[in-house]
Amino acid sequence: MKQYTEKGAAHIVLIAVVILIVVLLGVFIIKNSSLKITKDGQTVVDTNSTDTSPKNDKSDSVKKTDDDAKPVRDLVKEHFKDVYNRDLDAAYAVTCDYFRDFTSREDFESIVGEGIFKAIDLSQIDYSEADVASSQARLRGKIGPLMPDSKLEVDFLKENNKWCIAGYRTL
């Protein structure tokens, strides 16, 4: 029997737990069903969806990405080979107009003339992660034993139907 001196904290906790379970169940149902937009613009849940294709099958996307990424992989390897061999005119020439607007040739030379660019031949990096779209791309690869937990990320743009380097950074 409830006494009038009780505050009802147990009831509040019980109600909160029930609400949490209902919300989580709703999220689970919505996440595992397909959403359809009807002609009048309303969004409805289609629980009769017969789409059984795997949502995270990376085998096809990796093959496609590897094929699409070959031109940018070749470009970045050539660029960093030129940087390592100190052919900075050739390395600077494959950067994008966007990059050159913010980085003069002299600034580029001072940036690549120090640190990691002198110590490591970055053309030897295995760029294992690639994201390629129609006019943008990004490659990532582990730098190696001198920087074991670091990756190099290189961004590309397509200018005049030709890939160019928009920038790079370590992660």
C-alpha atoms as a PDB file:
ATOM      1  CA  MET A   1       0.000   0.000   0.000  1.00  0.00           C
ATOM      2  CA  LYS A   2       1.395   3.353  -1.032  1.00  0.00           C
ATOM      3  CA  GLN A   3       1.967   5.873   1.673  1.00  0.00           C
ATOM      4  CA  TYR A   4       1.390   9.549   1.045  1.00  0.00           C
ATOM      5  CA  THR A   5       5.005  10.329   2.041  1.00  0.00           C
ATOM      6  CA  GLU A   6       6.514   8.475  -0.949  1.00  0.00           C
ATOM      7  CA  LYS A   7       7.751  10.624  -3.827  1.00  0.00           C
ATOM      8  CA  GLY A   8       6.992   8.167  -6.676  1.00  0.00           C
ATOM      9  CA  ALA A   9      10.588   7.939  -7.962  1.00  0.00           C
ATOM     10  CA  ALA A  10      10.167   4.262  -8.807  1.00  0.00           C
ATOM     11  CA  HIS A  11       7.181   5.075 -11.005  1.00  0.00           C
ATOM     12  CA  ILE A  12       9.086   7.788 -12.854  1.00  0.00           C
ATOM     13  CA  VAL A  13      12.013   5.428 -13.509  1.00  0.00           C
ATOM     14  CA  LEU A  14       9.634   2.714 -14.720  1.00  0.00           C
ATOM     15  CA  ILE A  15       7.892   5.125 -17.111  1.00  0.00           C
ATOM     16  CA  ALA A  16      11.274   6.367 -18.439  1.00  0.00           C
ATOM     17  CA  VAL A  17      12.412   2.775 -19.092  1.00  0.00           C
ATOM     18  CA  VAL A  18       9.180   1.972 -20.958  1.00  0.00           C
ATOM     19  CA  ILE A  19       9.525   5.124 -23.105  1.00  0.00           C
ATOM     20  CA  LEU A  20      13.160   4.256 -23.883  1.00  0.00           C
ATOM     21  CA  ILE A  21      12.197   0.723 -24.951  1.00  0.00           C
ATOM     22  CA  VAL A  22       9.426   2.050 -27.209  1.00  0.00           C
ATOM     23  CA  VAL A  23      11.784   4.580 -28.842  1.00  0.00           C
ATOM     24  CA  LEU A  24      14.507   1.984 -29.408  1.00  0.00           C
ATOM     25  CA  LEU A  25      11.987  -0.467 -30.843  1.00  0.00           C
ATOM     26  CA  GLY A  26      10.660   2.238 -33.181  1.00  0.00           C
ATOM     27  CA  VAL A  27      14.176   3.118 -34.371  1.00  0.00           C
ATOM     28  CA  PHE A  28      14.922  -0.574 -34.968  1.00  0.00           C
ATOM     29  CA  ILE A  29      11.752  -1.076 -37.016  1.00  0.00           C
ATOM     30  CA  ILE A  30      12.293   2.052 -39.109  1.00  0.00           C
ATOM     31  CA  LYS A  31      15.965   1.283 -39.678  1.00  0.00           C
ATOM     32  CA  ASN A  32      15.220  -2.256 -40.859  1.00  0.00           C
ATOM     33  CA  SER A  33      12.393  -1.296 -43.200  1.00  0.00           C
ATOM     34  CA  SER A  34      12.296   0.649 -46.433  1.00  0.00           C
ATOM     35  CA  LEU A  35      10.885   4.148 -46.603  1.00  0.00           C
ATOM     36  CA  LYS A  36       8.695   5.059 -49.553  1.00  0.00           C
ATOM     37  CA  ILE A  37       7.591   8.499 -50.631  1.00  0.00           C
ATOM     38  CA  THR A  38       4.108   8.481 -52.110  1.00  0.00           C
ATOM     39  CA  LYS A  39       2.825  10.657 -54.962  1.00  0.00           C
ATOM     40  CA  ASP A  40       1.353  13.200 -52.568  1.00  0.00           C
ATOM     41  CA  GLY A  41       4.737  13.612 -50.834  1.00  0.00           C
ATOM     42  CA  GLN A  42       3.990  11.619 -47.700  1.00  0.00           C
ATOM     43  CA  THR A  43       6.630   9.286 -46.337  1.00  0.00           C
ATOM     44  CA  VAL A  44       5.424   5.809 -45.421  1.00  0.00           C
ATOM     45  CA  VAL A  45       7.185   2.728 -44.105  1.00  0.00           C
ATOM     46  CA  ASP A  46       7.176  -0.192 -46.536  1.00  0.00           C
ATOM     47  CA  THR A  47       7.582  -3.318 -44.413  1.00  0.00           C
ATOM     48  CA  ASN A  48       6.876  -5.568 -47.417  1.00  0.00           C
ATOM     49  CA  SER A  49      10.148  -4.695 -49.130  1.00  0.00           C
ATOM     50  CA  THR A  50      11.683  -7.653 -50.924  1.00  0.00           C
ATOM     51  CA  ASP A  51      15.107  -6.067 -51.396  1.00  0.00           C
ATOM     52  CA  THR A  52      17.510  -8.657 -50.000  1.00  0.00           C
ATOM     53  CA  SER A  53      20.677  -7.275 -51.570  1.00  0.00           C
ATOM     54  CA  PRO A  54      23.535  -6.882 -49.086  1.00  0.00           C
ATOM     55  CA  LYS A  55      23.849  -3.319 -47.849  1.00  0.00           C
ATOM     56  CA  ASN A  56      27.534  -3.466 -46.996  1.00  0.00           C
ATOM     57  CA  ASP A  57      29.068  -5.762 -49.601  1.00  0.00           C
ATOM     58  CA  LYS A  58      32.387  -4.051 -50.209  1.00  0.00           C
ATOM     59  CA  SER A  59      33.749  -6.486 -52.794  1.00  0.00           C
ATOM     60  CA  ASP A  60      32.063  -4.788 -55.780  1.00  0.00           C
ATOM     61  CA  SER A  61      32.688  -1.250 -54.570  1.00  0.00           C
ATOM     62  CA  VAL A  62      36.377  -1.947 -53.900  1.00  0.00           C
ATOM     63  CA  LYS A  63      36.884  -3.360 -57.390  1.00  0.00           C
ATOM     64  CA  LYS A  64      35.089  -0.407 -58.948  1.00  0.00           C
ATOM     65  CA  THR A  65      36.984   2.062 -56.768  1.00  0.00           C
ATOM     66  CA  ASP A  66      40.310   0.411 -57.585  1.00  0.00           C
ATOM     67  CA  ASP A  67      39.644   0.806 -61.314  1.00  0.00           C
ATOM     68  CA  ASP A  68      38.432   4.385 -60.903  1.00  0.00           C
ATOM     69  CA  ALA A  69      41.306   5.251 -58.564  1.00  0.00           C
ATOM     70  CA  LYS A  70      44.112   4.099 -60.876  1.00  0.00           C
ATOM     71  CA  PRO A  71      44.586   7.505 -62.589  1.00  0.00           C
ATOM     72  CA  VAL A  72      44.750   9.383 -59.278  1.00  0.00           C
ATOM     73  CA  ARG A  73      47.013   6.737 -57.726  1.00  0.00           C
ATOM     74  CA  ASP A  74      49.385   7.038 -60.679  1.00  0.00           C
ATOM     75  CA  LEU A  75      49.304  10.842 -60.446  1.00  0.00           C
ATOM     76  CA  VAL A  76      50.065  10.952 -56.717  1.00  0.00           C
ATOM     77  CA  LYS A  77      52.900   8.428 -57.039  1.00  0.00           C
ATOM     78  CA  GLU A  78      54.468  10.488 -59.841  1.00  0.00           C
ATOM     79  CA  HIS A  79      53.968  13.717 -57.866  1.00  0.00           C
ATOM     80  CA  PHE A  80      55.673  12.415 -54.734  1.00  0.00           C
ATOM     81  CA  LYS A  81      58.437  10.800 -56.779  1.00  0.00           C
ATOM     82  CA  ASP A  82      59.120  14.244 -58.238  1.00  0.00           C
ATOM     83  CA  VAL A  83      59.032  15.802 -54.753  1.00  0.00           C
ATOM     84  CA  TYR A  84      61.436  13.208 -53.365  1.00  0.00           C
ATOM     85  CA  ASN A  85      63.785  13.633 -56.364  1.00  0.00           C
ATOM     86  CA  ARG A  86      63.529  17.444 -55.933  1.00  0.00           C
ATOM     87  CA  ASP A  87      61.947  18.008 -59.389  1.00  0.00           C
ATOM     88  CA  LEU A  88      59.643  20.581 -57.844  1.00  0.00           C
ATOM     89  CA  ASP A  89      58.628  22.214 -61.131  1.00  0.00           C
ATOM     90  CA  ALA A  90      57.093  18.916 -62.296  1.00  0.00           C
ATOM     91  CA  ALA A  91      55.525  18.310 -58.864  1.00  0.00           C
ATOM     92  CA  TYR A  92      54.026  21.801 -58.745  1.00  0.00           C
ATOM     93  CA  ALA A  93      52.725  21.515 -62.320  1.00  0.00           C
ATOM     94  CA  VAL A  94      50.272  18.714 -61.402  1.00  0.00           C
ATOM     95  CA  THR A  95      48.655  20.703 -58.603  1.00  0.00           C
ATOM     96  CA  CYS A  96      45.247  22.290 -59.222  1.00  0.00           C
ATOM     97  CA  ASP A  97      44.686  25.937 -60.032  1.00  0.00           C
ATOM     98  CA  TYR A  98      42.881  26.097 -56.692  1.00  0.00           C
ATOM     99  CA  PHE A  99      46.048  24.892 -54.916  1.00  0.00           C
ATOM    100  CA  ARG A 100      48.275  27.300 -56.848  1.00  0.00           C
ATOM    101  CA  ASP A 101      45.949  30.217 -56.020  1.00  0.00           C
ATOM    102  CA  PHE A 102      46.792  29.771 -52.345  1.00  0.00           C
ATOM    103  CA  THR A 103      50.331  28.367 -52.581  1.00  0.00           C
ATOM    104  CA  SER A 104      53.010  30.105 -54.599  1.00  0.00           C
ATOM    105  CA  ARG A 105      55.830  28.109 -56.167  1.00  0.00           C
ATOM    106  CA  GLU A 106      58.201  29.457 -53.488  1.00  0.00           C
ATOM    107  CA  ASP A 107      55.818  28.490 -50.673  1.00  0.00           C
ATOM    108  CA  PHE A 108      55.436  25.035 -52.203  1.00  0.00           C
ATOM    109  CA  GLU A 109      59.206  24.615 -52.293  1.00  0.00           C
ATOM    110  CA  SER A 110      59.581  25.627 -48.651  1.00  0.00           C
ATOM    111  CA  ILE A 111      56.742  23.282 -47.585  1.00  0.00           C
ATOM    112  CA  VAL A 112      58.033  20.196 -49.376  1.00  0.00           C
ATOM    113  CA  GLY A 113      61.636  21.043 -48.571  1.00  0.00           C
ATOM    114  CA  GLU A 114      61.311  20.049 -44.937  1.00  0.00           C
ATOM    115  CA  GLY A 115      60.256  17.246 -42.618  1.00  0.00           C
ATOM    116  CA  ILE A 116      58.490  14.199 -43.951  1.00  0.00           C
ATOM    117  CA  PHE A 117      59.089  15.118 -47.594  1.00  0.00           C
ATOM    118  CA  LYS A 118      62.853  14.774 -47.192  1.00  0.00           C
ATOM    119  CA  ALA A 119      62.763  11.706 -44.946  1.00  0.00           C
ATOM    120  CA  ILE A 120      60.244   9.461 -46.698  1.00  0.00           C
ATOM    121  CA  ASP A 121      59.610   8.670 -50.352  1.00  0.00           C
ATOM    122  CA  LEU A 122      55.853   9.165 -50.258  1.00  0.00           C
ATOM    123  CA  SER A 123      55.492   7.671 -53.736  1.00  0.00           C
ATOM    124  CA  GLN A 124      55.944   4.253 -52.084  1.00  0.00           C
ATOM    125  CA  ILE A 125      52.827   4.577 -49.919  1.00  0.00           C
ATOM    126  CA  ASP A 126      50.126   2.009 -50.581  1.00  0.00           C
ATOM    127  CA  TYR A 127      47.028   4.160 -50.948  1.00  0.00           C
ATOM    128  CA  SER A 128      44.626   1.483 -49.757  1.00  0.00           C
ATOM    129  CA  GLU A 129      41.597   3.733 -49.243  1.00  0.00           C
ATOM    130  CA  ALA A 130      40.079   5.494 -52.232  1.00  0.00           C
ATOM    131  CA  ASP A 131      36.953   7.571 -52.703  1.00  0.00           C
ATOM    132  CA  VAL A 132      36.433   8.589 -56.325  1.00  0.00           C
ATOM    133  CA  ALA A 133      33.542  10.597 -57.739  1.00  0.00           C
ATOM    134  CA  SER A 134      33.127  12.152 -61.163  1.00  0.00           C
ATOM    135  CA  SER A 135      35.228  15.254 -60.445  1.00  0.00           C
ATOM    136  CA  GLN A 136      36.658  14.704 -56.952  1.00  0.00           C
ATOM    137  CA  ALA A 137      38.772  12.014 -55.361  1.00  0.00           C
ATOM    138  CA  ARG A 138      40.534  11.284 -52.089  1.00  0.00           C
ATOM    139  CA  LEU A 139      43.231   8.708 -51.366  1.00  0.00           C
ATOM    140  CA  ARG A 140      44.496   7.590 -47.962  1.00  0.00           C
ATOM    141  CA  GLY A 141      47.410   5.385 -47.087  1.00  0.00           C
ATOM    142  CA  LYS A 142      49.600   4.518 -44.119  1.00  0.00           C
ATOM    143  CA  ILE A 143      52.837   6.476 -44.156  1.00  0.00           C
ATOM    144  CA  GLY A 144      55.036   3.736 -42.761  1.00  0.00           C
ATOM    145  CA  PRO A 145      57.543   2.892 -40.064  1.00  0.00           C
ATOM    146  CA  LEU A 146      58.788   6.421 -39.368  1.00  0.00           C
ATOM    147  CA  MET A 147      55.212   7.499 -38.615  1.00  0.00           C
ATOM    148  CA  PRO A 148      53.480   4.183 -37.807  1.00  0.00           C
ATOM    149  CA  ASP A 149      50.083   5.489 -36.733  1.00  0.00           C
ATOM    150  CA  SER A 150      49.788   8.199 -39.381  1.00  0.00           C
ATOM    151  CA  LYS A 151      48.085   8.266 -42.745  1.00  0.00           C
ATOM    152  CA  LEU A 152      48.563  10.588 -45.669  1.00  0.00           C
ATOM    153  CA  GLU A 153      45.364  11.890 -47.225  1.00  0.00           C
ATOM    154  CA  VAL A 154      45.499  13.392 -50.715  1.00  0.00           C
ATOM    155  CA  ASP A 155      42.636  15.294 -52.360  1.00  0.00           C
ATOM    156  CA  PHE A 156      42.139  15.606 -56.115  1.00  0.00           C
ATOM    157  CA  LEU A 157      39.946  17.637 -58.439  1.00  0.00           C
ATOM    158  CA  LYS A 158      39.283  17.201 -62.125  1.00  0.00           C
ATOM    159  CA  GLU A 159      40.096  20.356 -64.075  1.00  0.00           C
ATOM    160  CA  ASN A 160      39.670  20.427 -67.859  1.00  0.00           C
ATOM    161  CA  ASN A 161      39.020  16.668 -67.851  1.00  0.00           C
ATOM    162  CA  LYS A 162      42.351  16.010 -66.127  1.00  0.00           C
ATOM    163  CA  TRP A 163      43.058  15.043 -62.495  1.00  0.00           C
ATOM    164  CA  CYS A 164      45.152  17.412 -60.395  1.00  0.00           C
ATOM    165  CA  ILE A 165      46.249  17.489 -56.761  1.00  0.00           C
ATOM    166  CA  ALA A 166      44.195  19.864 -54.605  1.00  0.00           C
ATOM    167  CA  GLY A 167      46.075  19.240 -51.355  1.00  0.00           C
ATOM    168  CA  TYR A 168      47.333  16.714 -48.836  1.00  0.00           C
ATOM    169  CA  ARG A 169      47.664  16.308 -45.116  1.00  0.00           C
ATOM    170  CA  THR A 170      48.667  13.787 -42.483  1.00  0.00           C
ATOM    171  CA  LEU A 171      46.022  12.232 -40.266  1.00  0.00           C
END
